[in-house]
Amino acid sequence: MERKLTKLSGVMLLAFILSGCVVQQQQQQQPAPVEPAQPFPEQPQPLPTEPPPSETVPQPPKMQSINWDASVTPLVAQMLKADGITAGSVLLIDGVKNSTNGSLQRAKATAALQSALQNNTQFKLVTPEQLATAKQTLGLSAEDSLGSRSKAVGLARYVGAQYVLYTNAKGDVKSPTLQMQLMLVQTGEIIWSGNGVVQH
């Protein structure tokens, strides 16, 4: 009986030892618990540097820079030498008309024409003030470039001008051509015309 108990206790002891080994083995096989990842200490973010304005704001299309003085002066010089002009006559300068395929600085072009004729000896000019008053009296817009010849002739007669100078910018807006015509108000006859390329 003692021998059986000893044997039994020996078997149980062995079983305990073996089960302890198995448990230990299982514990060893289990992956170590994953520690929660430590967040990296936050790096101070560098302040965004201001990008150059050209990168952030799209540039509007550049308006062609036209040298109107250099463009109109040669044509005005030709016109002043035209035959059949009565010296001392009154000349009405019609605003430069834009017949190009784009936007043109008409006011600058008209101002350059006025300037080129300012000190001429052939004509007396209808002043911009007289022209503005006449347009107002006749119910025309101050911006009206008189597009139609009949309108310009009516205005010229109203201000007592004997001649009208038409100027028209035509073609591609990047390199337009200028056409000028000098017309006798009384008969509607074109007594001089000239063409020139716009200077940049």
Protein backbone atom coordinates (compact mmCIF):
# COMPACT_ATOMS: atom_id res chain seq x y z
CA MET A 1 0.00 0.00 0.00
CA GLU A 2 2.77 2.37 0.88
CA ARG A 3 4.51 1.46 -2.31
CA LYS A 4 1.31 2.27 -4.29
CA LEU A 5 0.95 5.61 -2.56
CA THR A 6 4.55 6.44 -3.18
CA LYS A 7 4.14 5.45 -6.80
CA LEU A 8 0.95 7.47 -7.06
CA SER A 9 2.46 10.48 -5.38
CA GLY A 10 5.48 10.10 -7.63
CA VAL A 11 3.18 10.05 -10.72
CA MET A 12 1.25 13.07 -9.44
CA LEU A 13 4.45 14.90 -8.70
CA LEU A 14 5.65 14.10 -12.17
CA ALA A 15 2.31 15.26 -13.58
CA PHE A 16 2.57 18.54 -11.65
CA ILE A 17 6.11 19.08 -12.83
CA LEU A 18 5.17 18.31 -16.42
CA SER A 19 2.07 20.52 -16.29
CA GLY A 20 4.24 23.28 -14.84
CA CYS A 21 6.62 22.87 -17.76
CA VAL A 22 3.76 23.05 -20.25
CA VAL A 23 2.34 26.19 -18.63
CA GLN A 24 5.78 27.73 -18.58
CA GLN A 25 6.29 26.78 -22.25
CA GLN A 26 2.91 28.29 -23.16
CA GLN A 27 3.81 31.48 -21.33
CA GLN A 28 7.10 31.60 -23.18
CA GLN A 29 5.35 31.05 -26.52
CA GLN A 30 2.82 33.81 -25.95
CA PRO A 31 4.05 37.02 -27.47
CA ALA A 32 5.01 39.60 -24.91
CA PRO A 33 2.21 42.10 -24.47
CA VAL A 34 2.71 44.95 -26.88
CA GLU A 35 3.28 48.14 -25.06
CA PRO A 36 1.27 51.06 -26.44
CA ALA A 37 3.46 52.99 -28.82
CA GLN A 38 4.84 56.04 -27.15
CA PRO A 39 3.95 59.12 -29.20
CA PHE A 40 7.01 60.84 -30.53
CA PRO A 41 7.61 64.14 -28.81
CA GLU A 42 6.04 66.69 -31.13
CA GLN A 43 8.56 68.52 -33.21
CA PRO A 44 7.82 72.24 -33.33
CA GLN A 45 6.50 72.85 -36.85
CA PRO A 46 8.44 75.50 -38.72
CA LEU A 47 6.25 78.48 -39.52
CA PRO A 48 5.26 78.53 -43.19
CA THR A 49 7.34 81.06 -45.01
CA GLU A 50 5.51 83.54 -47.19
CA PRO A 51 5.77 82.36 -50.80
CA PRO A 52 6.58 85.08 -53.28
CA PRO A 53 3.39 86.81 -54.48
CA SER A 54 3.90 85.62 -58.06
CA GLU A 55 3.32 82.02 -56.89
CA THR A 56 0.13 82.70 -54.98
CA VAL A 57 -1.66 85.36 -57.00
CA PRO A 58 -2.11 84.66 -60.71
CA GLN A 59 -0.89 87.67 -62.63
CA PRO A 60 -3.50 89.32 -64.85
CA PRO A 61 -2.61 89.23 -68.51
CA LYS A 62 -0.31 92.11 -69.18
CA MET A 63 -1.72 94.86 -71.30
CA GLN A 64 0.58 95.53 -74.21
CA SER A 65 2.60 98.63 -73.50
CA ILE A 66 2.21 100.75 -76.62
CA ASN A 67 4.20 103.87 -77.28
CA TRP A 68 1.34 105.93 -78.67
CA ASP A 69 3.42 109.08 -79.11
CA ALA A 70 5.92 107.25 -81.33
CA SER A 71 3.02 105.54 -83.14
CA VAL A 72 0.99 108.62 -84.08
CA THR A 73 3.73 111.23 -84.62
CA PRO A 74 4.94 109.96 -88.05
CA LEU A 75 1.37 109.79 -89.37
CA VAL A 76 0.54 113.26 -88.05
CA ALA A 77 3.70 114.60 -89.76
CA GLN A 78 2.55 113.07 -93.07
CA MET A 79 -0.94 114.50 -92.69
CA LEU A 80 0.32 118.02 -92.03
CA LYS A 81 2.12 117.93 -95.40
CA ALA A 82 -1.02 116.88 -97.29
CA ASP A 83 -2.15 119.05 -100.20
CA GLY A 84 -5.40 120.94 -100.07
CA ILE A 85 -5.36 121.90 -96.37
CA THR A 86 -6.38 125.46 -95.68
CA ALA A 87 -4.01 126.75 -93.02
CA GLY A 88 -5.69 128.00 -89.87
CA SER A 89 -8.73 125.72 -90.26
CA VAL A 90 -10.37 124.13 -87.23
CA LEU A 91 -9.73 120.39 -86.79
CA LEU A 92 -11.85 118.00 -84.74
CA ILE A 93 -9.89 114.96 -83.51
CA ASP A 94 -12.18 111.98 -83.24
CA GLY A 95 -11.30 109.57 -80.39
CA VAL A 96 -9.19 106.64 -81.58
CA LYS A 97 -11.48 103.76 -82.50
CA ASN A 98 -10.53 100.22 -81.45
CA SER A 99 -11.24 97.66 -84.18
CA THR A 100 -8.66 95.14 -82.92
CA ASN A 101 -9.42 91.73 -81.43
CA GLY A 102 -8.66 92.86 -77.87
CA SER A 103 -8.57 95.67 -75.32
CA LEU A 104 -6.71 98.84 -76.19
CA GLN A 105 -5.95 102.00 -74.20
CA ARG A 106 -7.99 104.32 -76.41
CA ALA A 107 -7.82 107.30 -74.05
CA LYS A 108 -4.00 107.24 -74.12
CA ALA A 109 -4.01 106.95 -77.91
CA THR A 110 -6.35 109.94 -78.27
CA ALA A 111 -4.27 111.98 -75.81
CA ALA A 112 -1.13 111.20 -77.84
CA LEU A 113 -2.91 112.45 -81.00
CA GLN A 114 -3.90 115.69 -79.26
CA SER A 115 -0.34 116.09 -78.03
CA ALA A 116 1.20 115.45 -81.47
CA LEU A 117 -0.99 118.15 -83.00
CA GLN A 118 -0.70 120.60 -80.10
CA ASN A 119 1.89 122.91 -81.64
CA ASN A 120 1.09 122.44 -85.34
CA THR A 121 0.80 125.51 -87.56
CA GLN A 122 -1.81 124.12 -89.96
CA PHE A 123 -4.82 123.62 -87.69
CA LYS A 124 -6.55 125.06 -84.70
CA LEU A 125 -7.78 122.19 -82.56
CA VAL A 126 -11.20 121.73 -81.04
CA THR A 127 -10.27 121.44 -77.35
CA PRO A 128 -11.32 118.37 -75.33
CA GLU A 129 -13.51 120.69 -73.24
CA GLN A 130 -15.33 122.04 -76.33
CA LEU A 131 -15.76 118.49 -77.56
CA ALA A 132 -17.18 117.28 -74.22
CA THR A 133 -19.65 120.19 -74.11
CA ALA A 134 -20.75 119.59 -77.71
CA LYS A 135 -21.26 115.87 -77.07
CA GLN A 136 -23.32 116.65 -73.99
CA THR A 137 -25.47 119.16 -75.92
CA LEU A 138 -26.05 116.67 -78.73
CA GLY A 139 -26.87 113.87 -76.27
CA LEU A 140 -23.77 111.78 -77.03
CA SER A 141 -21.86 109.80 -74.40
CA ALA A 142 -18.55 111.36 -73.33
CA GLU A 143 -16.93 108.00 -74.24
CA ASP A 144 -18.51 107.95 -77.70
CA SER A 145 -15.74 107.53 -80.26
CA LEU A 146 -18.18 108.82 -82.91
CA GLY A 147 -17.92 105.45 -84.76
CA SER A 148 -20.15 106.70 -87.61
CA ARG A 149 -18.93 109.43 -89.92
CA SER A 150 -22.31 111.18 -89.94
CA LYS A 151 -22.11 111.55 -86.15
CA ALA A 152 -18.60 113.01 -86.38
CA VAL A 153 -19.58 115.39 -89.20
CA GLY A 154 -22.61 116.60 -87.23
CA LEU A 155 -20.38 117.23 -84.21
CA ALA A 156 -17.72 118.95 -86.33
CA ARG A 157 -20.36 121.28 -87.83
CA TYR A 158 -21.69 122.03 -84.36
CA VAL A 159 -18.26 123.12 -83.08
CA GLY A 160 -17.42 124.94 -86.33
CA ALA A 161 -14.64 122.58 -87.48
CA GLN A 162 -13.71 122.34 -91.16
CA TYR A 163 -11.88 119.01 -90.83
CA VAL A 164 -12.29 115.75 -88.91
CA LEU A 165 -9.41 113.36 -88.20
CA TYR A 166 -10.45 109.70 -87.91
CA THR A 167 -8.03 107.21 -86.37
CA ASN A 168 -8.69 103.50 -86.27
CA ALA A 169 -6.56 100.75 -84.65
CA LYS A 170 -7.04 97.46 -86.53
CA GLY A 171 -5.80 93.87 -86.60
CA ASP A 172 -4.21 91.84 -83.81
CA VAL A 173 -4.17 93.75 -80.51
CA LYS A 174 -0.55 92.62 -79.90
CA SER A 175 0.67 94.42 -83.03
CA PRO A 176 -2.14 96.57 -84.42
CA THR A 177 -1.93 98.95 -87.36
CA LEU A 178 -3.17 102.52 -87.24
CA GLN A 179 -5.23 104.01 -90.03
CA MET A 180 -5.80 107.77 -90.17
CA GLN A 181 -8.12 109.71 -92.45
CA LEU A 182 -8.51 113.47 -92.75
CA MET A 183 -11.96 114.40 -93.97
CA LEU A 184 -13.34 117.71 -95.19
CA VAL A 185 -16.52 118.35 -93.19
CA GLN A 186 -18.34 120.34 -95.88
CA THR A 187 -18.16 117.71 -98.62
CA GLY A 188 -17.32 114.49 -96.73
CA GLU A 189 -14.29 114.07 -98.99
CA ILE A 190 -11.26 112.22 -97.58
CA ILE A 191 -8.35 114.47 -98.52
CA TRP A 192 -5.61 112.39 -96.89
CA SER A 193 -5.19 108.91 -95.45
CA GLY A 194 -2.23 107.07 -93.97
CA ASN A 195 -1.34 103.78 -92.28
CA GLY A 196 1.30 102.95 -89.72
CA VAL A 197 2.35 100.14 -87.38
CA VAL A 198 1.91 100.68 -83.64
CA GLN A 199 5.24 101.06 -81.80
CA HIS A 200 5.91 99.20 -78.52
